[in-house]
Amino acid sequence: MNKLLAIASAFVFTVGLVGTSSRADEPLKLNVWPAKAPGDLGPAKQEQWTKMKVTNVTQPTLTVFRPEKAKNTGVAIIVCPGGG
């Protein structure tokens, strides 16, 4: 749980650093791990997307969707869908 809190804190901090330089139509993608994740042995299978899920993710990212400058209140929401 502490790792998740650290990742979420880093995400919120990074969103704050981004400022208003990103336009609303250009989401910013951030790698969760700058290199390999701890304990990563490499991809066992290729990442697969279906209508309901994504499996075999080895390069997790966070995507920042910012509002238009006129609508930017500085509030952030983190959406964390389920998964393991």
N, C-alpha and C. Protein backbone atom coordinates (compact mmCIF):
# COMPACT_ATOMS: atom_id res chain seq x y z
N MET A 1 0.82 -1.19 0.00
CA MET A 1 0.00 0.00 0.00
C MET A 1 0.87 1.25 0.00
N ASN A 2 2.01 1.21 0.67
CA ASN A 2 2.90 2.37 0.70
C ASN A 2 3.44 2.70 -0.67
N LYS A 3 3.70 1.66 -1.51
CA LYS A 3 4.18 1.90 -2.87
C LYS A 3 3.11 2.61 -3.69
N LEU A 4 1.86 2.19 -3.53
CA LEU A 4 0.76 2.82 -4.25
C LEU A 4 0.62 4.28 -3.85
N LEU A 5 0.75 4.56 -2.57
CA LEU A 5 0.67 5.94 -2.08
C LEU A 5 1.82 6.77 -2.65
N ALA A 6 3.00 6.19 -2.71
CA ALA A 6 4.16 6.91 -3.26
C ALA A 6 3.96 7.20 -4.74
N ILE A 7 3.41 6.24 -5.49
CA ILE A 7 3.17 6.44 -6.91
C ILE A 7 2.11 7.52 -7.11
N ALA A 8 1.03 7.46 -6.33
CA ALA A 8 -0.03 8.46 -6.45
C ALA A 8 0.49 9.85 -6.10
N SER A 9 1.32 9.94 -5.06
CA SER A 9 1.89 11.23 -4.67
C SER A 9 2.79 11.78 -5.77
N ALA A 10 3.61 10.92 -6.35
CA ALA A 10 4.49 11.34 -7.43
C ALA A 10 3.68 11.81 -8.63
N PHE A 11 2.58 11.12 -8.90
CA PHE A 11 1.72 11.50 -10.01
C PHE A 11 1.12 12.89 -9.79
N VAL A 12 0.57 13.12 -8.62
CA VAL A 12 -0.04 14.42 -8.32
C VAL A 12 1.01 15.51 -8.37
N PHE A 13 2.21 15.24 -7.85
CA PHE A 13 3.30 16.21 -7.89
C PHE A 13 3.68 16.53 -9.34
N THR A 14 3.78 15.49 -10.18
CA THR A 14 4.15 15.68 -11.58
C THR A 14 3.08 16.46 -12.32
N VAL A 15 1.82 16.18 -12.03
CA VAL A 15 0.73 16.93 -12.66
C VAL A 15 0.86 18.41 -12.31
N GLY A 16 1.23 18.70 -11.09
CA GLY A 16 1.42 20.09 -10.69
C GLY A 16 2.58 20.74 -11.42
N LEU A 17 3.62 19.99 -11.70
CA LEU A 17 4.77 20.53 -12.41
C LEU A 17 4.46 20.80 -13.88
N VAL A 18 3.54 20.03 -14.43
CA VAL A 18 3.22 20.18 -15.84
C VAL A 18 2.64 21.56 -16.11
N GLY A 19 1.89 22.08 -15.15
CA GLY A 19 1.31 23.41 -15.30
C GLY A 19 0.32 23.46 -16.44
N THR A 20 0.27 24.59 -17.09
CA THR A 20 -0.68 24.77 -18.18
C THR A 20 -0.03 24.61 -19.54
N SER A 21 1.16 24.03 -19.59
CA SER A 21 1.84 23.88 -20.87
C SER A 21 1.20 22.83 -21.76
N SER A 22 0.52 21.84 -21.19
CA SER A 22 -0.15 20.83 -21.99
C SER A 22 -1.53 21.32 -22.38
N ARG A 23 -1.86 21.14 -23.65
CA ARG A 23 -3.19 21.52 -24.10
C ARG A 23 -4.16 20.41 -23.78
N ALA A 24 -5.44 20.74 -23.74
CA ALA A 24 -6.48 19.78 -23.38
C ALA A 24 -6.53 18.60 -24.35
N ASP A 25 -6.14 18.82 -25.61
CA ASP A 25 -6.25 17.74 -26.59
C ASP A 25 -4.98 16.90 -26.69
N GLU A 26 -3.98 17.17 -25.88
CA GLU A 26 -2.73 16.40 -25.90
C GLU A 26 -2.46 15.82 -24.51
N PRO A 27 -2.98 14.61 -24.24
CA PRO A 27 -2.71 14.02 -22.92
C PRO A 27 -1.23 13.71 -22.75
N LEU A 28 -0.76 13.84 -21.53
CA LEU A 28 0.63 13.57 -21.18
C LEU A 28 0.73 12.15 -20.64
N LYS A 29 1.62 11.33 -21.21
CA LYS A 29 1.82 9.97 -20.72
C LYS A 29 3.08 9.92 -19.87
N LEU A 30 2.95 9.38 -18.67
CA LEU A 30 4.08 9.25 -17.75
C LEU A 30 4.32 7.78 -17.48
N ASN A 31 5.56 7.35 -17.58
CA ASN A 31 5.89 5.97 -17.24
C ASN A 31 5.87 5.82 -15.72
N VAL A 32 5.23 4.76 -15.23
CA VAL A 32 5.21 4.49 -13.80
C VAL A 32 6.61 4.14 -13.32
N TRP A 33 7.33 3.37 -14.11
CA TRP A 33 8.71 3.00 -13.79
C TRP A 33 9.61 3.57 -14.88
N PRO A 34 10.67 4.32 -14.52
CA PRO A 34 11.55 4.89 -15.54
C PRO A 34 12.30 3.83 -16.34
N ALA A 35 12.55 2.70 -15.75
CA ALA A 35 13.19 1.57 -16.45
C ALA A 35 12.28 0.36 -16.23
N LYS A 36 12.86 -0.77 -15.91
CA LYS A 36 12.04 -1.93 -15.61
C LYS A 36 11.49 -1.83 -14.19
N ALA A 37 10.31 -2.40 -14.00
CA ALA A 37 9.71 -2.45 -12.68
C ALA A 37 10.52 -3.40 -11.80
N PRO A 38 10.56 -3.17 -10.50
CA PRO A 38 11.29 -4.08 -9.62
C PRO A 38 10.77 -5.51 -9.77
N GLY A 39 11.68 -6.44 -9.96
CA GLY A 39 11.31 -7.84 -10.11
C GLY A 39 10.85 -8.22 -11.51
N ASP A 40 10.90 -7.29 -12.46
CA ASP A 40 10.45 -7.58 -13.82
C ASP A 40 11.44 -8.51 -14.51
N LEU A 41 10.92 -9.61 -15.02
CA LEU A 41 11.76 -10.57 -15.73
C LEU A 41 11.59 -10.46 -17.24
N GLY A 42 10.91 -9.42 -17.69
CA GLY A 42 10.67 -9.25 -19.12
C GLY A 42 9.28 -9.76 -19.48
N PRO A 43 8.82 -9.40 -20.66
CA PRO A 43 7.46 -9.81 -21.04
C PRO A 43 7.37 -11.30 -21.31
N ALA A 44 6.45 -11.95 -20.62
CA ALA A 44 6.19 -13.36 -20.86
C ALA A 44 5.35 -13.51 -22.12
N LYS A 45 4.44 -12.57 -22.30
CA LYS A 45 3.57 -12.54 -23.47
C LYS A 45 3.40 -11.09 -23.89
N GLN A 46 2.95 -10.88 -25.11
CA GLN A 46 2.72 -9.52 -25.61
C GLN A 46 1.46 -8.94 -24.98
N GLU A 47 1.48 -7.63 -24.75
CA GLU A 47 0.32 -6.94 -24.19
C GLU A 47 -0.88 -7.12 -25.13
N GLN A 48 -2.04 -7.41 -24.54
CA GLN A 48 -3.24 -7.64 -25.33
C GLN A 48 -4.38 -6.77 -24.85
N TRP A 49 -5.07 -6.14 -25.79
CA TRP A 49 -6.23 -5.30 -25.49
C TRP A 49 -7.48 -6.02 -25.98
N THR A 50 -8.50 -6.10 -25.11
CA THR A 50 -9.81 -6.60 -25.51
C THR A 50 -10.81 -5.52 -25.15
N LYS A 51 -12.08 -5.75 -25.41
CA LYS A 51 -13.10 -4.75 -25.09
C LYS A 51 -13.21 -4.50 -23.59
N MET A 52 -12.89 -5.50 -22.78
CA MET A 52 -13.10 -5.39 -21.34
C MET A 52 -11.82 -5.23 -20.52
N LYS A 53 -10.66 -5.57 -21.08
CA LYS A 53 -9.45 -5.54 -20.25
C LYS A 53 -8.18 -5.47 -21.08
N VAL A 54 -7.09 -5.18 -20.38
CA VAL A 54 -5.75 -5.22 -20.95
C VAL A 54 -4.97 -6.21 -20.11
N THR A 55 -4.26 -7.11 -20.76
CA THR A 55 -3.48 -8.11 -20.03
C THR A 55 -2.01 -8.05 -20.45
N ASN A 56 -1.17 -8.64 -19.62
CA ASN A 56 0.28 -8.74 -19.86
C ASN A 56 0.96 -7.37 -19.96
N VAL A 57 0.55 -6.44 -19.12
CA VAL A 57 1.14 -5.10 -19.13
C VAL A 57 2.50 -5.13 -18.44
N THR A 58 3.53 -4.73 -19.16
CA THR A 58 4.87 -4.67 -18.58
C THR A 58 5.42 -3.25 -18.52
N GLN A 59 4.79 -2.31 -19.23
CA GLN A 59 5.19 -0.91 -19.22
C GLN A 59 3.99 -0.06 -18.79
N PRO A 60 3.63 -0.06 -17.50
CA PRO A 60 2.46 0.71 -17.07
C PRO A 60 2.71 2.21 -17.18
N THR A 61 1.65 2.94 -17.54
CA THR A 61 1.75 4.39 -17.67
C THR A 61 0.58 5.06 -16.96
N LEU A 62 0.75 6.32 -16.65
CA LEU A 62 -0.31 7.17 -16.15
C LEU A 62 -0.53 8.23 -17.23
N THR A 63 -1.77 8.50 -17.57
CA THR A 63 -2.08 9.49 -18.59
C THR A 63 -2.77 10.68 -17.94
N VAL A 64 -2.24 11.87 -18.19
CA VAL A 64 -2.77 13.10 -17.62
C VAL A 64 -3.64 13.78 -18.67
N PHE A 65 -4.92 13.92 -18.36
CA PHE A 65 -5.85 14.64 -19.22
C PHE A 65 -6.15 15.97 -18.54
N ARG A 66 -5.69 17.05 -19.12
CA ARG A 66 -5.88 18.37 -18.53
C ARG A 66 -7.03 19.09 -19.21
N PRO A 67 -7.77 19.90 -18.46
CA PRO A 67 -8.86 20.68 -19.05
C PRO A 67 -8.32 21.87 -19.84
N GLU A 68 -9.20 22.52 -20.55
CA GLU A 68 -8.83 23.76 -21.22
C GLU A 68 -8.38 24.76 -20.16
N LYS A 69 -7.51 25.68 -20.53
CA LYS A 69 -6.96 26.64 -19.58
C LYS A 69 -8.05 27.41 -18.83
N ALA A 70 -9.11 27.78 -19.52
CA ALA A 70 -10.20 28.55 -18.90
C ALA A 70 -10.97 27.73 -17.86
N LYS A 71 -10.95 26.40 -17.99
CA LYS A 71 -11.69 25.54 -17.07
C LYS A 71 -10.79 24.87 -16.03
N ASN A 72 -9.50 25.17 -16.04
CA ASN A 72 -8.55 24.53 -15.14
C ASN A 72 -8.67 25.14 -13.74
N THR A 73 -9.19 24.35 -12.79
CA THR A 73 -9.35 24.82 -11.42
C THR A 73 -8.22 24.36 -10.51
N GLY A 74 -7.34 23.50 -11.02
CA GLY A 74 -6.24 22.97 -10.22
C GLY A 74 -6.59 21.71 -9.48
N VAL A 75 -7.82 21.22 -9.62
CA VAL A 75 -8.26 20.00 -8.96
C VAL A 75 -7.81 18.80 -9.79
N ALA A 76 -7.36 17.74 -9.12
CA ALA A 76 -6.94 16.52 -9.81
C ALA A 76 -7.76 15.34 -9.33
N ILE A 77 -8.05 14.43 -10.23
CA ILE A 77 -8.76 13.19 -9.89
C ILE A 77 -7.92 12.04 -10.42
N ILE A 78 -7.68 11.05 -9.60
CA ILE A 78 -6.94 9.87 -10.02
C ILE A 78 -7.93 8.72 -10.14
N VAL A 79 -8.03 8.13 -11.32
CA VAL A 79 -8.90 6.99 -11.55
C VAL A 79 -8.03 5.74 -11.60
N CYS A 80 -8.28 4.81 -10.70
CA CYS A 80 -7.49 3.59 -10.62
C CYS A 80 -8.40 2.39 -10.83
N PRO A 81 -8.53 1.93 -12.07
CA PRO A 81 -9.35 0.75 -12.29
C PRO A 81 -8.72 -0.48 -11.65
N GLY A 82 -9.51 -1.48 -11.43
CA GLY A 82 -9.02 -2.70 -10.76
C GLY A 82 -7.95 -3.41 -11.55
N GLY A 83 -7.31 -4.31 -10.91
CA GLY A 83 -6.25 -5.08 -11.56
C GLY A 83 -5.26 -5.55 -10.52
N GLY A 84 -4.32 -6.33 -10.94
CA GLY A 84 -3.39 -6.90 -9.98
C GLY A 84 -1.98 -6.61 -10.25
